[in-house]
Amino acid sequence: MPLRPSPGVRAGPRLGRGRLGDYSTGSANITLLSVNMDAQTINRLVEATKLLLENDAAEWSAVEALWRPHVDQGDEDAEFNMSEFYLDYGFDSGAAKDREIQDLLERAASRSQPDAIYRLSRQCSEKVEGDALLLKAGELGSLEAQRDFGALFATGDWTGPRDSVRAVEWYRRAAERGHADAQYNLGSMYLLGEGVQADPDEGLRWLQSSAEQGDEQSVRLLADLYRNGLCGVSADAAEAELWEEKYRKTDLYRLRKQRWGTEEG
């Protein structure tokens, strides 16, 4: 269910296969808060798993072999990551394995692994319980939960209130830790003056940070802002051309052209 906090502000969790990224920059959708394993070990295991999963014929047993020693030592990050890879990549190793994986996820969550709690919140069909889990995950440091709470406060599409000030607070938590989508949304809030005093320079700063991480919507919006002089941003033909050139190289541009025959639509 897509969430739209305000015109021009994109929301809704980015879920799907291979939620992998750079642990050190905070741009990953998997936030790895190690207790037993150090960051180097986590990065090594994540990279090794990514290499395995580049092969569509990869067997679950090969992935499990990487994480199992740490799971057996009771490491909650290993428990979360092994369950996350299994669920995200759609492995099907039978009902017993499915139950084992769910038990690992729940065990990691019971030990306050923030992204395990976030995953459970996404599984929860009861909105009050799901929102409570999401809040706990965000407070413990889940980037995705922090970003999602920004969207929920911005839209009011949850069991709590609509509050643009709180939306900015939650977007900022994730944005300052490098979450590209949160940076896009926070920048848009500054441009629109929603939940915060309008500040075009601050809005541009956050959009540029997001675009530098490859967020294609941010690249597109920057081109529009500079081309048309929107939201208090001074029109600048040179900057517009720079961002338009970058945008024309994106998958978003290509897909919009394919769908509508023109980039506009």
C-alpha atoms as a PDB file:
ATOM      1  CA  MET A   1       0.000   0.000   0.000  1.00  0.00           C
ATOM      2  CA  PRO A   2       1.843   3.125  -1.125  1.00  0.00           C
ATOM      3  CA  LEU A   3       1.995   6.015   1.297  1.00  0.00           C
ATOM      4  CA  ARG A   4       2.140   9.599   0.131  1.00  0.00           C
ATOM      5  CA  PRO A   5       2.868  12.034   2.946  1.00  0.00           C
ATOM      6  CA  SER A   6       2.394  15.102   0.766  1.00  0.00           C
ATOM      7  CA  PRO A   7       2.645  16.153  -2.883  1.00  0.00           C
ATOM      8  CA  GLY A   8       6.079  15.334  -4.164  1.00  0.00           C
ATOM      9  CA  VAL A   9       7.049  13.291  -1.124  1.00  0.00           C
ATOM     10  CA  ARG A  10       7.460   9.607  -1.811  1.00  0.00           C
ATOM     11  CA  ALA A  11       6.768   7.062   0.886  1.00  0.00           C
ATOM     12  CA  GLY A  12       6.094   3.384   1.425  1.00  0.00           C
ATOM     13  CA  PRO A  13       8.681   0.827   2.386  1.00  0.00           C
ATOM     14  CA  ARG A  14      11.020  -0.484  -0.230  1.00  0.00           C
ATOM     15  CA  LEU A  15      10.707  -4.212   0.149  1.00  0.00           C
ATOM     16  CA  GLY A  16      11.847  -6.980  -2.137  1.00  0.00           C
ATOM     17  CA  ARG A  17      14.642  -9.340  -2.976  1.00  0.00           C
ATOM     18  CA  GLY A  18      18.138  -8.802  -1.777  1.00  0.00           C
ATOM     19  CA  ARG A  19      17.733  -5.975   0.736  1.00  0.00           C
ATOM     20  CA  LEU A  20      21.490  -5.601   0.892  1.00  0.00           C
ATOM     21  CA  GLY A  21      23.722  -2.604   1.006  1.00  0.00           C
ATOM     22  CA  ASP A  22      26.723  -0.973   2.612  1.00  0.00           C
ATOM     23  CA  TYR A  23      26.698  -1.564   6.343  1.00  0.00           C
ATOM     24  CA  SER A  24      29.330   1.083   6.941  1.00  0.00           C
ATOM     25  CA  THR A  25      27.379   3.933   5.313  1.00  0.00           C
ATOM     26  CA  GLY A  26      23.989   3.061   6.758  1.00  0.00           C
ATOM     27  CA  SER A  27      22.416   2.865   3.297  1.00  0.00           C
ATOM     28  CA  ALA A  28      21.507  -0.777   3.677  1.00  0.00           C
ATOM     29  CA  ASN A  29      17.965  -1.877   4.161  1.00  0.00           C
ATOM     30  CA  ILE A  30      19.421  -4.471   6.491  1.00  0.00           C
ATOM     31  CA  THR A  31      20.715  -2.617   9.529  1.00  0.00           C
ATOM     32  CA  LEU A  32      23.275  -4.814  11.257  1.00  0.00           C
ATOM     33  CA  LEU A  33      23.750  -3.943  14.910  1.00  0.00           C
ATOM     34  CA  SER A  34      26.318  -6.481  15.989  1.00  0.00           C
ATOM     35  CA  VAL A  35      26.634  -7.805  19.504  1.00  0.00           C
ATOM     36  CA  ASN A  36      28.722 -10.918  18.995  1.00  0.00           C
ATOM     37  CA  MET A  37      29.940 -10.449  15.441  1.00  0.00           C
ATOM     38  CA  ASP A  38      31.936  -7.381  14.521  1.00  0.00           C
ATOM     39  CA  ALA A  39      31.168  -5.236  11.473  1.00  0.00           C
ATOM     40  CA  GLN A  40      33.960  -6.820   9.436  1.00  0.00           C
ATOM     41  CA  THR A  41      32.545 -10.299   9.952  1.00  0.00           C
ATOM     42  CA  ILE A  42      29.050  -9.142   9.093  1.00  0.00           C
ATOM     43  CA  ASN A  43      30.222  -7.432   5.904  1.00  0.00           C
ATOM     44  CA  ARG A  44      32.172 -10.508   4.886  1.00  0.00           C
ATOM     45  CA  LEU A  45      29.155 -12.757   5.355  1.00  0.00           C
ATOM     46  CA  VAL A  46      26.815 -10.368   3.557  1.00  0.00           C
ATOM     47  CA  GLU A  47      29.162 -10.068   0.580  1.00  0.00           C
ATOM     48  CA  ALA A  48      29.653 -13.826   0.425  1.00  0.00           C
ATOM     49  CA  THR A  49      25.888 -14.325   0.510  1.00  0.00           C
ATOM     50  CA  LYS A  50      25.360 -11.757  -2.242  1.00  0.00           C
ATOM     51  CA  LEU A  51      27.849 -13.591  -4.446  1.00  0.00           C
ATOM     52  CA  LEU A  52      26.049 -16.878  -3.891  1.00  0.00           C
ATOM     53  CA  LEU A  53      22.656 -15.367  -4.650  1.00  0.00           C
ATOM     54  CA  GLU A  54      23.784 -13.837  -7.924  1.00  0.00           C
ATOM     55  CA  ASN A  55      23.290 -17.361  -9.217  1.00  0.00           C
ATOM     56  CA  ASP A  56      19.556 -18.020  -9.556  1.00  0.00           C
ATOM     57  CA  ALA A  57      20.260 -21.711  -9.029  1.00  0.00           C
ATOM     58  CA  ALA A  58      21.823 -21.112  -5.622  1.00  0.00           C
ATOM     59  CA  GLU A  59      20.769 -23.656  -3.019  1.00  0.00           C
ATOM     60  CA  TRP A  60      19.606 -22.591   0.414  1.00  0.00           C
ATOM     61  CA  SER A  61      22.044 -25.041   2.019  1.00  0.00           C
ATOM     62  CA  ALA A  62      24.988 -22.987   0.712  1.00  0.00           C
ATOM     63  CA  VAL A  63      23.591 -19.783   2.208  1.00  0.00           C
ATOM     64  CA  GLU A  64      22.751 -21.454   5.499  1.00  0.00           C
ATOM     65  CA  ALA A  65      26.257 -22.842   5.773  1.00  0.00           C
ATOM     66  CA  LEU A  66      27.637 -19.308   5.929  1.00  0.00           C
ATOM     67  CA  TRP A  67      25.410 -18.144   8.760  1.00  0.00           C
ATOM     68  CA  ARG A  68      24.772 -21.356  10.699  1.00  0.00           C
ATOM     69  CA  PRO A  69      27.931 -21.272  12.867  1.00  0.00           C
ATOM     70  CA  HIS A  70      26.969 -17.836  14.175  1.00  0.00           C
ATOM     71  CA  VAL A  71      23.313 -18.780  14.564  1.00  0.00           C
ATOM     72  CA  ASP A  72      24.346 -21.792  16.614  1.00  0.00           C
ATOM     73  CA  GLN A  73      26.339 -19.460  18.873  1.00  0.00           C
ATOM     74  CA  GLY A  74      23.156 -17.502  19.545  1.00  0.00           C
ATOM     75  CA  ASP A  75      24.074 -14.357  17.612  1.00  0.00           C
ATOM     76  CA  GLU A  76      20.844 -12.398  17.072  1.00  0.00           C
ATOM     77  CA  ASP A  77      22.187 -10.587  13.988  1.00  0.00           C
ATOM     78  CA  ALA A  78      22.988 -13.927  12.389  1.00  0.00           C
ATOM     79  CA  GLU A  79      19.530 -15.197  13.319  1.00  0.00           C
ATOM     80  CA  PHE A  80      17.931 -12.185  11.704  1.00  0.00           C
ATOM     81  CA  ASN A  81      20.044 -12.195   8.567  1.00  0.00           C
ATOM     82  CA  MET A  82      19.674 -15.897   7.893  1.00  0.00           C
ATOM     83  CA  SER A  83      15.908 -15.644   8.249  1.00  0.00           C
ATOM     84  CA  GLU A  84      15.832 -12.474   6.150  1.00  0.00           C
ATOM     85  CA  PHE A  85      17.719 -14.029   3.252  1.00  0.00           C
ATOM     86  CA  TYR A  86      15.449 -17.060   3.329  1.00  0.00           C
ATOM     87  CA  LEU A  87      12.274 -14.994   3.328  1.00  0.00           C
ATOM     88  CA  ASP A  88      13.373 -12.299   0.894  1.00  0.00           C
ATOM     89  CA  TYR A  89      14.678 -14.690  -1.715  1.00  0.00           C
ATOM     90  CA  GLY A  90      11.657 -16.950  -1.561  1.00  0.00           C
ATOM     91  CA  PHE A  91      13.442 -20.175  -0.714  1.00  0.00           C
ATOM     92  CA  ASP A  92      11.108 -23.102  -0.222  1.00  0.00           C
ATOM     93  CA  SER A  93      12.681 -25.908   1.752  1.00  0.00           C
ATOM     94  CA  GLY A  94       9.520 -27.320   3.227  1.00  0.00           C
ATOM     95  CA  ALA A  95       7.222 -26.587   6.146  1.00  0.00           C
ATOM     96  CA  ALA A  96       9.718 -27.613   8.814  1.00  0.00           C
ATOM     97  CA  LYS A  97      12.374 -25.241   7.483  1.00  0.00           C
ATOM     98  CA  ASP A  98       9.804 -22.465   7.092  1.00  0.00           C
ATOM     99  CA  ARG A  99       8.876 -22.857  10.762  1.00  0.00           C
ATOM    100  CA  GLU A 100      12.530 -22.946  11.838  1.00  0.00           C
ATOM    101  CA  ILE A 101      13.206 -19.719   9.948  1.00  0.00           C
ATOM    102  CA  GLN A 102      10.198 -17.996  11.479  1.00  0.00           C
ATOM    103  CA  ASP A 103      11.319 -19.153  14.919  1.00  0.00           C
ATOM    104  CA  LEU A 104      14.786 -17.665  14.282  1.00  0.00           C
ATOM    105  CA  LEU A 105      13.233 -14.350  13.287  1.00  0.00           C
ATOM    106  CA  GLU A 106      11.047 -14.293  16.388  1.00  0.00           C
ATOM    107  CA  ARG A 107      13.972 -15.252  18.616  1.00  0.00           C
ATOM    108  CA  ALA A 108      16.087 -12.419  17.239  1.00  0.00           C
ATOM    109  CA  ALA A 109      13.179 -10.021  17.794  1.00  0.00           C
ATOM    110  CA  SER A 110      12.740 -11.221  21.384  1.00  0.00           C
ATOM    111  CA  ARG A 111      16.367 -10.234  21.951  1.00  0.00           C
ATOM    112  CA  SER A 112      15.709  -6.708  20.646  1.00  0.00           C
ATOM    113  CA  GLN A 113      17.282  -7.096  17.197  1.00  0.00           C
ATOM    114  CA  PRO A 114      15.666  -4.002  15.612  1.00  0.00           C
ATOM    115  CA  ASP A 115      15.303  -5.244  12.056  1.00  0.00           C
ATOM    116  CA  ALA A 116      13.846  -8.548  13.199  1.00  0.00           C
ATOM    117  CA  ILE A 117      11.205  -6.554  15.061  1.00  0.00           C
ATOM    118  CA  TYR A 118      10.665  -4.464  11.925  1.00  0.00           C
ATOM    119  CA  ARG A 119      10.175  -7.613   9.863  1.00  0.00           C
ATOM    120  CA  LEU A 120       7.617  -8.920  12.341  1.00  0.00           C
ATOM    121  CA  SER A 121       5.774  -5.608  12.188  1.00  0.00           C
ATOM    122  CA  ARG A 122       5.462  -6.065   8.427  1.00  0.00           C
ATOM    123  CA  GLN A 123       4.072  -9.555   8.931  1.00  0.00           C
ATOM    124  CA  CYS A 124       1.510  -8.461  11.503  1.00  0.00           C
ATOM    125  CA  SER A 125      -2.105  -8.308  10.312  1.00  0.00           C
ATOM    126  CA  GLU A 126      -3.365  -6.513  13.419  1.00  0.00           C
ATOM    127  CA  LYS A 127      -2.672  -2.801  12.942  1.00  0.00           C
ATOM    128  CA  VAL A 128      -2.336  -1.774  16.579  1.00  0.00           C
ATOM    129  CA  GLU A 129       0.128  -4.563  17.296  1.00  0.00           C
ATOM    130  CA  GLY A 130       1.986  -3.947  14.053  1.00  0.00           C
ATOM    131  CA  ASP A 131       2.347  -0.228  14.724  1.00  0.00           C
ATOM    132  CA  ALA A 132       3.585  -0.944  18.254  1.00  0.00           C
ATOM    133  CA  LEU A 133       6.248  -3.279  16.876  1.00  0.00           C
ATOM    134  CA  LEU A 134       7.210  -0.721  14.251  1.00  0.00           C
ATOM    135  CA  LEU A 135       7.651   1.945  16.926  1.00  0.00           C
ATOM    136  CA  LYS A 136       9.824  -0.381  19.003  1.00  0.00           C
ATOM    137  CA  ALA A 137      11.961  -1.203  15.959  1.00  0.00           C
ATOM    138  CA  GLY A 138      12.423   2.473  15.150  1.00  0.00           C
ATOM    139  CA  GLU A 139      13.359   3.381  18.699  1.00  0.00           C
ATOM    140  CA  LEU A 140      15.920   0.556  18.752  1.00  0.00           C
ATOM    141  CA  GLY A 141      17.504   1.841  15.543  1.00  0.00           C
ATOM    142  CA  SER A 142      15.937   0.142  12.512  1.00  0.00           C
ATOM    143  CA  LEU A 143      16.487   2.488   9.571  1.00  0.00           C
ATOM    144  CA  GLU A 144      13.488   1.155   7.694  1.00  0.00           C
ATOM    145  CA  ALA A 145      11.237   1.569  10.715  1.00  0.00           C
ATOM    146  CA  GLN A 146      12.421   5.124  11.263  1.00  0.00           C
ATOM    147  CA  ARG A 147      11.767   5.990   7.647  1.00  0.00           C
ATOM    148  CA  ASP A 148       8.359   4.298   7.717  1.00  0.00           C
ATOM    149  CA  PHE A 149       7.337   6.185  10.833  1.00  0.00           C
ATOM    150  CA  GLY A 150       8.146   9.405   9.023  1.00  0.00           C
ATOM    151  CA  ALA A 151       5.723   8.361   6.291  1.00  0.00           C
ATOM    152  CA  LEU A 152       3.038   7.268   8.737  1.00  0.00           C
ATOM    153  CA  PHE A 153       3.136  10.504  10.703  1.00  0.00           C
ATOM    154  CA  ALA A 154       3.129  12.447   7.442  1.00  0.00           C
ATOM    155  CA  THR A 155       0.028  10.702   6.122  1.00  0.00           C
ATOM    156  CA  GLY A 156      -1.847   9.678   9.253  1.00  0.00           C
ATOM    157  CA  ASP A 157      -2.307   6.293   7.541  1.00  0.00           C
ATOM    158  CA  TRP A 158      -1.925   4.266  10.737  1.00  0.00           C
ATOM    159  CA  THR A 159      -3.443   3.893  14.190  1.00  0.00           C
ATOM    160  CA  GLY A 160      -1.780   7.104  15.397  1.00  0.00           C
ATOM    161  CA  PRO A 161      -2.199  10.763  14.443  1.00  0.00           C
ATOM    162  CA  ARG A 162      -1.106  12.723  11.422  1.00  0.00           C
ATOM    163  CA  ASP A 163       1.701  14.975  12.602  1.00  0.00           C
ATOM    164  CA  SER A 164       4.063  16.553  10.094  1.00  0.00           C
ATOM    165  CA  VAL A 165       6.438  17.748  12.830  1.00  0.00           C
ATOM    166  CA  ARG A 166       6.894  14.201  14.102  1.00  0.00           C
ATOM    167  CA  ALA A 167       7.206  13.056  10.484  1.00  0.00           C
ATOM    168  CA  VAL A 168      10.189  15.343  10.027  1.00  0.00           C
ATOM    169  CA  GLU A 169      11.731  14.061  13.262  1.00  0.00           C
ATOM    170  CA  TRP A 170      11.525  10.428  12.154  1.00  0.00           C
ATOM    171  CA  TYR A 171      12.662  11.130   8.602  1.00  0.00           C
ATOM    172  CA  ARG A 172      15.632  13.004  10.031  1.00  0.00           C
ATOM    173  CA  ARG A 173      16.651  10.062  12.211  1.00  0.00           C
ATOM    174  CA  ALA A 174      16.968   7.824   9.165  1.00  0.00           C
ATOM    175  CA  ALA A 175      18.266  10.538   6.829  1.00  0.00           C
ATOM    176  CA  GLU A 176      21.154  11.439   9.115  1.00  0.00           C
ATOM    177  CA  ARG A 177      22.191   7.787   9.082  1.00  0.00           C
ATOM    178  CA  GLY A 178      22.266   7.724   5.289  1.00  0.00           C
ATOM    179  CA  HIS A 179      18.840   6.349   4.289  1.00  0.00           C
ATOM    180  CA  ALA A 180      18.358   7.672   0.748  1.00  0.00           C
ATOM    181  CA  ASP A 181      14.568   7.519   0.701  1.00  0.00           C
ATOM    182  CA  ALA A 182      14.334   9.291   4.057  1.00  0.00           C
ATOM    183  CA  GLN A 183      16.664  11.956   2.681  1.00  0.00           C
ATOM    184  CA  TYR A 184      14.373  12.410  -0.316  1.00  0.00           C
ATOM    185  CA  ASN A 185      11.333  12.774   1.917  1.00  0.00           C
ATOM    186  CA  LEU A 186      13.051  15.074   4.402  1.00  0.00           C
ATOM    187  CA  GLY A 187      14.296  17.269   1.575  1.00  0.00           C
ATOM    188  CA  SER A 188      10.785  17.445   0.152  1.00  0.00           C
ATOM    189  CA  MET A 189       9.364  18.425   3.542  1.00  0.00           C
ATOM    190  CA  TYR A 190      11.839  21.303   3.721  1.00  0.00           C
ATOM    191  CA  LEU A 191      10.923  22.431   0.224  1.00  0.00           C
ATOM    192  CA  LEU A 192       7.195  22.326   0.989  1.00  0.00           C
ATOM    193  CA  GLY A 193       7.466  23.737   4.494  1.00  0.00           C
ATOM    194  CA  GLU A 194       5.620  20.779   5.995  1.00  0.00           C
ATOM    195  CA  GLY A 195       6.464  20.092   9.627  1.00  0.00           C
ATOM    196  CA  VAL A 196       9.378  22.475   9.427  1.00  0.00           C
ATOM    197  CA  GLN A 197      10.022  26.018   8.264  1.00  0.00           C
ATOM    198  CA  ALA A 198      10.500  26.062   4.507  1.00  0.00           C
ATOM    199  CA  ASP A 199      14.190  26.122   3.626  1.00  0.00           C
ATOM    200  CA  PRO A 200      15.031  25.570  -0.055  1.00  0.00           C
ATOM    201  CA  ASP A 201      18.766  25.281   0.614  1.00  0.00           C
ATOM    202  CA  GLU A 202      18.258  22.576   3.237  1.00  0.00           C
ATOM    203  CA  GLY A 203      15.793  20.818   0.961  1.00  0.00           C
ATOM    204  CA  LEU A 204      18.306  20.798  -1.876  1.00  0.00           C
ATOM    205  CA  ARG A 205      21.038  19.539   0.433  1.00  0.00           C
ATOM    206  CA  TRP A 206      19.027  16.488   1.439  1.00  0.00           C
ATOM    207  CA  LEU A 207      17.875  15.791  -2.123  1.00  0.00           C
ATOM    208  CA  GLN A 208      21.456  15.958  -3.346  1.00  0.00           C
ATOM    209  CA  SER A 209      22.574  13.560  -0.609  1.00  0.00           C
ATOM    210  CA  SER A 210      19.864  11.149  -1.723  1.00  0.00           C
ATOM    211  CA  ALA A 211      20.707  11.558  -5.407  1.00  0.00           C
ATOM    212  CA  GLU A 212      24.379  10.894  -4.713  1.00  0.00           C
ATOM    213  CA  GLN A 213      23.340   7.495  -3.375  1.00  0.00           C
ATOM    214  CA  GLY A 214      21.551   6.758  -6.640  1.00  0.00           C
ATOM    215  CA  ASP A 215      17.977   7.673  -5.716  1.00  0.00           C
ATOM    216  CA  GLU A 216      16.460   8.306  -9.139  1.00  0.00           C
ATOM    217  CA  GLN A 217      13.410  10.221  -7.931  1.00  0.00           C
ATOM    218  CA  SER A 218      15.733  12.694  -6.232  1.00  0.00           C
ATOM    219  CA  VAL A 219      17.652  13.175  -9.470  1.00  0.00           C
ATOM    220  CA  ARG A 220      14.399  13.799 -11.342  1.00  0.00           C
ATOM    221  CA  LEU A 221      13.108  16.247  -8.748  1.00  0.00           C
ATOM    222  CA  LEU A 222      16.368  18.205  -8.714  1.00  0.00           C
ATOM    223  CA  ALA A 223      16.178  18.586 -12.491  1.00  0.00           C
ATOM    224  CA  ASP A 224      12.579  19.849 -12.205  1.00  0.00           C
ATOM    225  CA  LEU A 225      13.398  22.271  -9.404  1.00  0.00           C
ATOM    226  CA  TYR A 226      16.297  23.877 -11.229  1.00  0.00           C
ATOM    227  CA  ARG A 227      14.533  23.905 -14.608  1.00  0.00           C
ATOM    228  CA  ASN A 228      11.300  25.456 -13.357  1.00  0.00           C
ATOM    229  CA  GLY A 229      12.357  27.395 -10.275  1.00  0.00           C
ATOM    230  CA  LEU A 230       9.970  25.587  -7.908  1.00  0.00           C
ATOM    231  CA  CYS A 231       9.563  25.728  -4.115  1.00  0.00           C
ATOM    232  CA  GLY A 232      11.780  28.766  -3.665  1.00  0.00           C
ATOM    233  CA  VAL A 233      14.649  27.276  -5.659  1.00  0.00           C
ATOM    234  CA  SER A 234      16.099  29.732  -8.154  1.00  0.00           C
ATOM    235  CA  ALA A 235      15.967  28.539 -11.746  1.00  0.00           C
ATOM    236  CA  ASP A 236      19.408  27.574 -12.979  1.00  0.00           C
ATOM    237  CA  ALA A 237      19.735  26.292 -16.540  1.00  0.00           C
ATOM    238  CA  ALA A 238      23.217  24.891 -16.022  1.00  0.00           C
ATOM    239  CA  GLU A 239      22.223  22.941 -12.890  1.00  0.00           C
ATOM    240  CA  ALA A 240      19.032  21.794 -14.589  1.00  0.00           C
ATOM    241  CA  GLU A 241      20.973  20.405 -17.537  1.00  0.00           C
ATOM    242  CA  LEU A 242      23.428  18.667 -15.229  1.00  0.00           C
ATOM    243  CA  TRP A 243      20.648  16.864 -13.347  1.00  0.00           C
ATOM    244  CA  GLU A 244      18.622  16.194 -16.489  1.00  0.00           C
ATOM    245  CA  GLU A 245      21.637  14.508 -18.064  1.00  0.00           C
ATOM    246  CA  LYS A 246      21.957  12.295 -15.000  1.00  0.00           C
ATOM    247  CA  TYR A 247      18.243  11.581 -15.040  1.00  0.00           C
ATOM    248  CA  ARG A 248      18.271  10.509 -18.684  1.00  0.00           C
ATOM    249  CA  LYS A 249      20.677   7.736 -17.688  1.00  0.00           C
ATOM    250  CA  THR A 250      18.363   6.278 -15.039  1.00  0.00           C
ATOM    251  CA  ASP A 251      16.076   3.267 -15.195  1.00  0.00           C
ATOM    252  CA  LEU A 252      13.236   5.514 -14.030  1.00  0.00           C
ATOM    253  CA  TYR A 253      13.582   7.683 -17.124  1.00  0.00           C
ATOM    254  CA  ARG A 254      13.672   4.640 -19.398  1.00  0.00           C
ATOM    255  CA  LEU A 255      10.625   3.046 -17.784  1.00  0.00           C
ATOM    256  CA  ARG A 256       8.572   6.247 -17.954  1.00  0.00           C
ATOM    257  CA  LYS A 257       9.451   6.627 -21.634  1.00  0.00           C
ATOM    258  CA  GLN A 258       8.418   3.042 -22.305  1.00  0.00           C
ATOM    259  CA  ARG A 259       5.142   3.395 -20.453  1.00  0.00           C
ATOM    260  CA  TRP A 260       3.962   6.769 -21.725  1.00  0.00           C
ATOM    261  CA  GLY A 261       6.050   7.382 -24.823  1.00  0.00           C
ATOM    262  CA  THR A 262       7.343  10.501 -23.112  1.00  0.00           C
ATOM    263  CA  GLU A 263       9.108  11.139 -19.847  1.00  0.00           C
ATOM    264  CA  GLU A 264       6.171  13.146 -18.600  1.00  0.00           C
ATOM    265  CA  GLY A 265       3.216  11.235 -17.199  1.00  0.00           C
END
